[in-house]
Protein backbone atom coordinates (compact mmCIF):
# COMPACT_ATOMS: atom_id res chain seq x y z
CA MET A 1 14.39 6.64 -3.21
CA ARG A 2 14.02 8.33 -6.25
CA LEU A 3 13.11 11.96 -5.59
CA ASP A 4 10.72 12.54 -8.52
CA VAL A 5 8.71 9.50 -7.82
CA GLN A 6 8.24 10.63 -4.23
CA GLU A 7 7.65 14.11 -5.23
CA GLN A 8 4.81 12.79 -7.43
CA ILE A 9 3.42 10.69 -5.10
CA ILE A 10 3.57 13.50 -2.32
CA SER A 11 1.50 15.52 -4.94
CA ILE A 12 -1.07 13.13 -5.55
CA ILE A 13 -1.57 12.30 -1.68
CA ALA A 14 -1.56 15.98 -0.98
CA ARG A 15 -4.10 16.71 -3.37
CA GLU A 16 -6.30 14.01 -2.21
CA ALA A 17 -5.88 14.94 1.27
CA VAL A 18 -6.48 18.77 0.40
CA LEU A 19 -3.19 19.69 1.71
CA GLU A 20 -0.08 21.39 0.11
CA PRO A 21 2.79 19.02 -0.88
CA GLY A 22 5.02 20.74 1.68
CA GLU A 23 2.50 19.35 4.62
CA VAL A 24 2.90 15.90 3.82
CA THR A 25 6.09 13.63 4.74
CA PRO A 26 7.04 10.25 4.19
CA ASP A 27 6.83 9.20 7.88
CA MET A 28 3.11 10.15 7.76
CA THR A 29 0.29 7.87 7.84
CA LEU A 30 -2.80 8.13 5.60
CA ASP A 31 -5.02 8.44 9.03
CA GLU A 32 -2.83 11.43 9.91
CA LEU A 33 -3.33 13.04 6.57
CA GLY A 34 -7.01 12.63 7.38
CA LEU A 35 -7.73 10.31 4.18
CA ASP A 36 -10.40 8.20 4.22
CA SER A 37 -11.48 5.21 2.06
CA LEU A 38 -12.68 7.18 -0.81
CA GLY A 39 -9.58 9.31 -0.43
CA LEU A 40 -7.42 6.18 -0.43
CA VAL A 41 -9.30 4.68 -3.41
CA GLU A 42 -8.55 7.95 -5.59
CA MET A 43 -5.26 8.22 -4.64
CA ILE A 44 -4.55 4.49 -6.02
CA PHE A 45 -6.29 5.40 -8.92
CA ALA A 46 -4.10 8.50 -9.35
CA ILE A 47 -0.90 6.69 -8.61
CA GLU A 48 -2.12 3.96 -11.32
CA GLU A 49 -2.61 6.61 -13.99
CA ALA A 50 0.86 8.82 -13.13
CA PHE A 51 2.82 5.78 -13.17
CA ASP A 52 1.13 3.46 -15.70
CA ILE A 53 1.00 0.54 -13.39
CA SER A 54 -1.73 -1.47 -11.53
CA VAL A 55 -1.55 -1.36 -7.84
CA PRO A 56 -2.56 -4.88 -6.14
CA PHE A 57 -5.13 -3.30 -4.01
CA ASN A 58 -8.63 -4.43 -3.17
CA ALA A 59 -10.89 -1.63 -1.86
CA ASN A 60 -13.40 -4.06 -0.54
CA GLU A 61 -10.55 -5.39 1.75
CA PRO A 62 -7.84 -2.69 2.18
CA THR A 63 -6.10 -4.66 4.85
CA GLN A 64 -5.73 -7.62 2.52
CA THR A 65 -3.37 -6.40 -0.15
CA ASP A 66 0.33 -6.57 -1.07
CA PHE A 67 0.49 -2.86 -1.54
CA ASP A 68 1.99 -1.40 1.74
CA THR A 69 -0.13 1.86 2.69
CA SER A 70 1.21 2.20 6.14
CA SER A 71 3.04 5.38 5.43
CA VAL A 72 3.78 7.93 2.73
CA GLY A 73 7.10 6.72 2.47
CA ALA A 74 5.82 3.03 2.27
CA ILE A 75 3.88 3.91 -0.78
CA VAL A 76 6.65 5.49 -2.49
CA ARG A 77 8.80 2.48 -1.71
CA ALA A 78 6.04 0.09 -3.30
CA VAL A 79 5.49 2.18 -6.44
CA GLU A 80 9.33 2.22 -7.33
CA ARG A 81 9.44 -1.54 -6.86
CA MET A 82 6.47 -1.93 -9.09
CA ILE A 83 8.08 0.59 -11.71
CA CYS A 84 11.38 -1.64 -11.44
CA GLY A 85 9.15 -4.61 -12.25
CA GLU A 86 9.82 -6.40 -8.87
CA PRO A 87 7.46 -9.21 -8.10
CA ARG A 88 4.60 -8.71 -5.76
CA GLU A 89 5.90 -10.51 -2.71
CA ALA A 90 8.38 -7.59 -2.47
CA LEU A 91 5.59 -4.65 -2.18
CA ALA A 92 4.80 -5.42 1.29
């Protein structure tokens, strides 16, 4: 896991969850962080902008996605794969 990617994503998630980055760990879920559906969408938009990527996420059907949002660490790994250009199937 590239530290700079992890740090940026943790910073984005912390901002959306109204927490300090030090309060966010890779094993935490978005539910544990108190992120609601709007916070999740804002987080996705911020990640897309920060890394100049297009996240395969459907806000209308968040469980029907190729983008793993099960934990902070899963989000970091999915973004790293996208940055490296791995196919969508590898994102889950």
